[in-house]
Amino acid sequence: MSITLQDLANRLDLLTGAVLSNKTVLTVEEAAAYTGLSISHVYKLTSTQDIPHYKPRGKMLYFERAELDSWLLQRRVKTNDEINTKAANHVAGVRMAGV
């Protein structure tokens, strides 16, 4: 899939408008630009109810910025240091319980 210069300019305009404004409610286009997803993928996510959204009149879709942030930040992956620390604490706890 090739992206034209005009497509990039349009996406930049949408992203700049969504990020720099104080809007808390975003349109599909703004939500796509904000999340970095394509508009068609956002529509797919709404049809499968995998992304939080609102349909106040049954057709137009809207997204709350705070809910998009929470959705984007779900399923955090732990760092190796966090995993190693948890493992060491678990081993130390098992040793203490066995004493």
N, C-alpha and C. Protein backbone atom coordinates (compact mmCIF):
# COMPACT_ATOMS: atom_id res chain seq x y z
N MET A 1 0.84 -1.17 0.00
CA MET A 1 0.00 0.00 0.00
C MET A 1 0.89 1.24 0.00
N SER A 2 0.74 2.08 -0.99
CA SER A 2 1.55 3.29 -1.04
C SER A 2 0.74 4.48 -0.53
N ILE A 3 1.42 5.32 0.19
CA ILE A 3 0.78 6.51 0.76
C ILE A 3 1.26 7.72 -0.04
N THR A 4 0.31 8.50 -0.50
CA THR A 4 0.66 9.69 -1.27
C THR A 4 1.00 10.83 -0.33
N LEU A 5 1.61 11.83 -0.89
CA LEU A 5 1.95 13.01 -0.12
C LEU A 5 0.68 13.68 0.41
N GLN A 6 -0.37 13.67 -0.40
CA GLN A 6 -1.64 14.26 0.04
C GLN A 6 -2.23 13.49 1.21
N ASP A 7 -2.13 12.15 1.18
CA ASP A 7 -2.61 11.33 2.30
C ASP A 7 -1.87 11.68 3.58
N LEU A 8 -0.55 11.82 3.46
CA LEU A 8 0.26 12.20 4.63
C LEU A 8 -0.12 13.57 5.16
N ALA A 9 -0.34 14.49 4.25
CA ALA A 9 -0.73 15.85 4.66
C ALA A 9 -2.08 15.82 5.37
N ASN A 10 -3.03 15.04 4.85
CA ASN A 10 -4.34 14.93 5.48
C ASN A 10 -4.25 14.31 6.86
N ARG A 11 -3.45 13.25 6.97
CA ARG A 11 -3.28 12.60 8.27
C ARG A 11 -2.61 13.53 9.27
N LEU A 12 -1.63 14.29 8.81
CA LEU A 12 -0.95 15.23 9.68
C LEU A 12 -1.91 16.31 10.16
N ASP A 13 -2.74 16.81 9.27
CA ASP A 13 -3.74 17.80 9.66
C ASP A 13 -4.69 17.25 10.71
N LEU A 14 -5.18 16.03 10.48
CA LEU A 14 -6.09 15.42 11.45
C LEU A 14 -5.41 15.19 12.79
N LEU A 15 -4.20 14.68 12.75
CA LEU A 15 -3.47 14.40 13.99
C LEU A 15 -3.16 15.68 14.75
N THR A 16 -2.71 16.67 14.03
CA THR A 16 -2.40 17.96 14.67
C THR A 16 -3.64 18.55 15.30
N GLY A 17 -4.75 18.50 14.58
CA GLY A 17 -6.00 19.04 15.11
C GLY A 17 -6.47 18.28 16.33
N ALA A 18 -6.37 16.97 16.31
CA ALA A 18 -6.84 16.15 17.42
C ALA A 18 -5.94 16.29 18.64
N VAL A 19 -4.64 16.31 18.43
CA VAL A 19 -3.70 16.35 19.54
C VAL A 19 -3.63 17.74 20.17
N LEU A 20 -3.61 18.75 19.34
CA LEU A 20 -3.40 20.10 19.86
C LEU A 20 -4.67 20.74 20.39
N SER A 21 -5.82 20.21 20.05
CA SER A 21 -7.06 20.81 20.54
C SER A 21 -7.38 20.29 21.92
N ASN A 22 -8.35 20.90 22.53
CA ASN A 22 -8.79 20.48 23.85
C ASN A 22 -10.01 19.57 23.75
N LYS A 23 -10.26 19.03 22.57
CA LYS A 23 -11.42 18.18 22.37
C LYS A 23 -11.28 16.91 23.19
N THR A 24 -12.36 16.53 23.84
CA THR A 24 -12.37 15.27 24.55
C THR A 24 -13.12 14.20 23.76
N VAL A 25 -13.94 14.65 22.81
CA VAL A 25 -14.70 13.73 21.97
C VAL A 25 -14.17 13.83 20.54
N LEU A 26 -13.83 12.67 19.96
CA LEU A 26 -13.21 12.64 18.65
C LEU A 26 -14.11 11.94 17.64
N THR A 27 -14.00 12.34 16.38
CA THR A 27 -14.69 11.67 15.29
C THR A 27 -13.90 10.44 14.89
N VAL A 28 -14.43 9.66 13.96
CA VAL A 28 -13.73 8.46 13.49
C VAL A 28 -12.38 8.84 12.89
N GLU A 29 -12.36 9.86 12.07
CA GLU A 29 -11.12 10.28 11.43
C GLU A 29 -10.10 10.74 12.46
N GLU A 30 -10.54 11.51 13.44
CA GLU A 30 -9.64 11.99 14.48
C GLU A 30 -9.16 10.84 15.36
N ALA A 31 -10.04 9.90 15.68
CA ALA A 31 -9.66 8.74 16.49
C ALA A 31 -8.64 7.88 15.75
N ALA A 32 -8.83 7.73 14.45
CA ALA A 32 -7.88 6.95 13.65
C ALA A 32 -6.51 7.62 13.67
N ALA A 33 -6.49 8.91 13.46
CA ALA A 33 -5.22 9.65 13.47
C ALA A 33 -4.59 9.60 14.87
N TYR A 34 -5.40 9.74 15.89
CA TYR A 34 -4.91 9.75 17.27
C TYR A 34 -4.29 8.42 17.66
N THR A 35 -4.92 7.31 17.24
CA THR A 35 -4.44 5.98 17.60
C THR A 35 -3.40 5.44 16.62
N GLY A 36 -3.31 6.05 15.44
CA GLY A 36 -2.39 5.55 14.43
C GLY A 36 -2.95 4.39 13.63
N LEU A 37 -4.24 4.15 13.76
CA LEU A 37 -4.90 3.09 13.01
C LEU A 37 -5.56 3.65 11.76
N SER A 38 -5.84 2.80 10.80
CA SER A 38 -6.56 3.26 9.62
C SER A 38 -8.03 3.44 9.97
N ILE A 39 -8.70 4.27 9.20
CA ILE A 39 -10.12 4.52 9.44
C ILE A 39 -10.91 3.21 9.29
N SER A 40 -10.56 2.42 8.29
CA SER A 40 -11.29 1.15 8.09
C SER A 40 -11.08 0.21 9.27
N HIS A 41 -9.88 0.21 9.85
CA HIS A 41 -9.63 -0.66 11.01
C HIS A 41 -10.41 -0.17 12.22
N VAL A 42 -10.53 1.13 12.39
CA VAL A 42 -11.33 1.67 13.50
C VAL A 42 -12.79 1.24 13.33
N TYR A 43 -13.31 1.33 12.10
CA TYR A 43 -14.67 0.88 11.85
C TYR A 43 -14.83 -0.61 12.18
N LYS A 44 -13.84 -1.41 11.82
CA LYS A 44 -13.89 -2.84 12.11
C LYS A 44 -13.91 -3.07 13.62
N LEU A 45 -13.07 -2.35 14.35
CA LEU A 45 -13.03 -2.48 15.80
C LEU A 45 -14.35 -2.08 16.45
N THR A 46 -15.03 -1.10 15.87
CA THR A 46 -16.33 -0.71 16.42
C THR A 46 -17.38 -1.76 16.11
N SER A 47 -17.32 -2.36 14.93
CA SER A 47 -18.33 -3.36 14.56
C SER A 47 -18.19 -4.63 15.41
N THR A 48 -16.98 -4.92 15.84
CA THR A 48 -16.76 -6.09 16.72
C THR A 48 -16.81 -5.70 18.19
N GLN A 49 -17.08 -4.44 18.46
CA GLN A 49 -17.16 -3.89 19.82
C GLN A 49 -15.88 -4.12 20.60
N ASP A 50 -14.74 -3.96 19.92
CA ASP A 50 -13.44 -4.12 20.55
C ASP A 50 -12.82 -2.80 20.97
N ILE A 51 -13.45 -1.69 20.64
CA ILE A 51 -12.95 -0.38 21.02
C ILE A 51 -14.12 0.42 21.59
N PRO A 52 -13.90 1.16 22.68
CA PRO A 52 -15.01 1.93 23.26
C PRO A 52 -15.43 3.07 22.33
N HIS A 53 -16.72 3.17 22.10
CA HIS A 53 -17.23 4.21 21.21
C HIS A 53 -18.68 4.53 21.54
N TYR A 54 -19.18 5.59 20.94
CA TYR A 54 -20.55 6.06 21.18
C TYR A 54 -21.24 6.29 19.84
N LYS A 55 -22.53 5.99 19.80
CA LYS A 55 -23.35 6.22 18.61
C LYS A 55 -24.63 6.94 19.06
N PRO A 56 -24.56 8.23 19.32
CA PRO A 56 -25.71 8.93 19.90
C PRO A 56 -26.95 8.95 19.01
N ARG A 57 -26.78 8.94 17.71
CA ARG A 57 -27.94 8.97 16.81
C ARG A 57 -28.02 7.70 15.96
N GLY A 58 -27.28 6.69 16.37
CA GLY A 58 -27.35 5.42 15.69
C GLY A 58 -26.47 5.28 14.46
N LYS A 59 -25.85 6.37 14.01
CA LYS A 59 -25.03 6.28 12.81
C LYS A 59 -23.63 6.87 13.02
N MET A 60 -23.56 8.08 13.46
CA MET A 60 -22.27 8.74 13.67
C MET A 60 -21.55 8.11 14.86
N LEU A 61 -20.24 7.92 14.70
CA LEU A 61 -19.43 7.34 15.76
C LEU A 61 -18.58 8.41 16.42
N TYR A 62 -18.48 8.32 17.73
CA TYR A 62 -17.63 9.24 18.49
C TYR A 62 -16.83 8.45 19.51
N PHE A 63 -15.69 9.01 19.88
CA PHE A 63 -14.77 8.36 20.80
C PHE A 63 -14.33 9.36 21.85
N GLU A 64 -14.23 8.90 23.10
CA GLU A 64 -13.72 9.76 24.16
C GLU A 64 -12.21 9.54 24.26
N ARG A 65 -11.48 10.63 24.25
CA ARG A 65 -10.02 10.56 24.23
C ARG A 65 -9.47 9.76 25.43
N ALA A 66 -10.00 9.98 26.62
CA ALA A 66 -9.52 9.27 27.81
C ALA A 66 -9.76 7.77 27.68
N GLU A 67 -10.89 7.37 27.11
CA GLU A 67 -11.16 5.95 26.92
C GLU A 67 -10.23 5.34 25.88
N LEU A 68 -9.90 6.11 24.84
CA LEU A 68 -8.94 5.63 23.84
C LEU A 68 -7.57 5.44 24.48
N ASP A 69 -7.18 6.38 25.35
CA ASP A 69 -5.90 6.24 26.05
C ASP A 69 -5.87 4.96 26.87
N SER A 70 -6.93 4.71 27.62
CA SER A 70 -7.00 3.49 28.44
C SER A 70 -6.97 2.25 27.55
N TRP A 71 -7.70 2.30 26.45
CA TRP A 71 -7.75 1.16 25.53
C TRP A 71 -6.37 0.90 24.92
N LEU A 72 -5.68 1.97 24.55
CA LEU A 72 -4.35 1.82 23.95
C LEU A 72 -3.33 1.27 24.95
N LEU A 73 -3.53 1.58 26.22
CA LEU A 73 -2.55 1.19 27.24
C LEU A 73 -2.92 -0.11 27.97
N GLN A 74 -3.83 -0.88 27.44
CA GLN A 74 -4.18 -2.15 28.08
C GLN A 74 -3.16 -3.23 27.73
N ARG A 75 -3.13 -4.26 28.51
CA ARG A 75 -2.24 -5.41 28.32
C ARG A 75 -0.76 -5.01 28.29
N ARG A 76 -0.35 -4.34 29.32
CA ARG A 76 1.05 -3.91 29.43
C ARG A 76 1.97 -5.11 29.50
N VAL A 77 3.06 -5.03 28.81
CA VAL A 77 4.06 -6.10 28.80
C VAL A 77 5.16 -5.72 29.80
N LYS A 78 5.44 -6.64 30.72
CA LYS A 78 6.45 -6.37 31.74
C LYS A 78 7.85 -6.42 31.13
N THR A 79 8.74 -5.63 31.71
CA THR A 79 10.14 -5.65 31.27
C THR A 79 10.83 -6.87 31.87
N ASN A 80 11.97 -7.21 31.33
CA ASN A 80 12.75 -8.33 31.87
C ASN A 80 13.13 -8.09 33.32
N ASP A 81 13.46 -6.83 33.66
CA ASP A 81 13.81 -6.52 35.05
C ASP A 81 12.63 -6.77 35.99
N GLU A 82 11.43 -6.38 35.56
CA GLU A 82 10.24 -6.61 36.40
C GLU A 82 9.98 -8.10 36.58
N ILE A 83 10.14 -8.87 35.52
CA ILE A 83 9.94 -10.32 35.60
C ILE A 83 10.97 -10.96 36.52
N ASN A 84 12.24 -10.56 36.37
CA ASN A 84 13.31 -11.11 37.22
C ASN A 84 13.10 -10.76 38.68
N THR A 85 12.69 -9.52 38.96
CA THR A 85 12.43 -9.10 40.34
C THR A 85 11.29 -9.90 40.94
N LYS A 86 10.21 -10.09 40.17
CA LYS A 86 9.07 -10.86 40.67
C LYS A 86 9.48 -12.31 40.93
N ALA A 87 10.27 -12.87 40.03
CA ALA A 87 10.73 -14.25 40.20
C ALA A 87 11.61 -14.37 41.45
N ALA A 88 12.52 -13.42 41.64
CA ALA A 88 13.40 -13.45 42.82
C ALA A 88 12.59 -13.32 44.10
N ASN A 89 11.59 -12.43 44.09
CA ASN A 89 10.74 -12.26 45.27
C ASN A 89 9.93 -13.53 45.54
N HIS A 90 9.50 -14.18 44.50
CA HIS A 90 8.73 -15.43 44.65
C HIS A 90 9.60 -16.52 45.26
N VAL A 91 10.81 -16.66 44.73
CA VAL A 91 11.74 -17.67 45.24
C VAL A 91 12.08 -17.38 46.71
N ALA A 92 12.32 -16.10 47.02
CA ALA A 92 12.64 -15.74 48.41
C ALA A 92 11.46 -16.03 49.32
N GLY A 93 10.23 -15.79 48.84
CA GLY A 93 9.04 -16.07 49.63
C GLY A 93 8.83 -17.55 49.85
N VAL A 94 9.12 -18.35 48.86
CA VAL A 94 9.00 -19.80 48.99
C VAL A 94 10.01 -20.33 49.99
N ARG A 95 11.22 -19.79 49.95
CA ARG A 95 12.26 -20.23 50.89
C ARG A 95 11.86 -19.86 52.32
N MET A 96 11.30 -18.66 52.49
CA MET A 96 10.90 -18.21 53.83
C MET A 96 9.74 -19.08 54.35
N ALA A 97 8.83 -19.46 53.49
CA ALA A 97 7.67 -20.27 53.90
C ALA A 97 8.13 -21.68 54.25
N GLY A 98 9.21 -22.15 53.60
CA GLY A 98 9.69 -23.49 53.85
C GLY A 98 10.54 -23.61 55.10
N VAL A 99 10.93 -22.48 55.69
CA VAL A 99 11.82 -22.51 56.86
C VAL A 99 11.08 -22.88 58.10
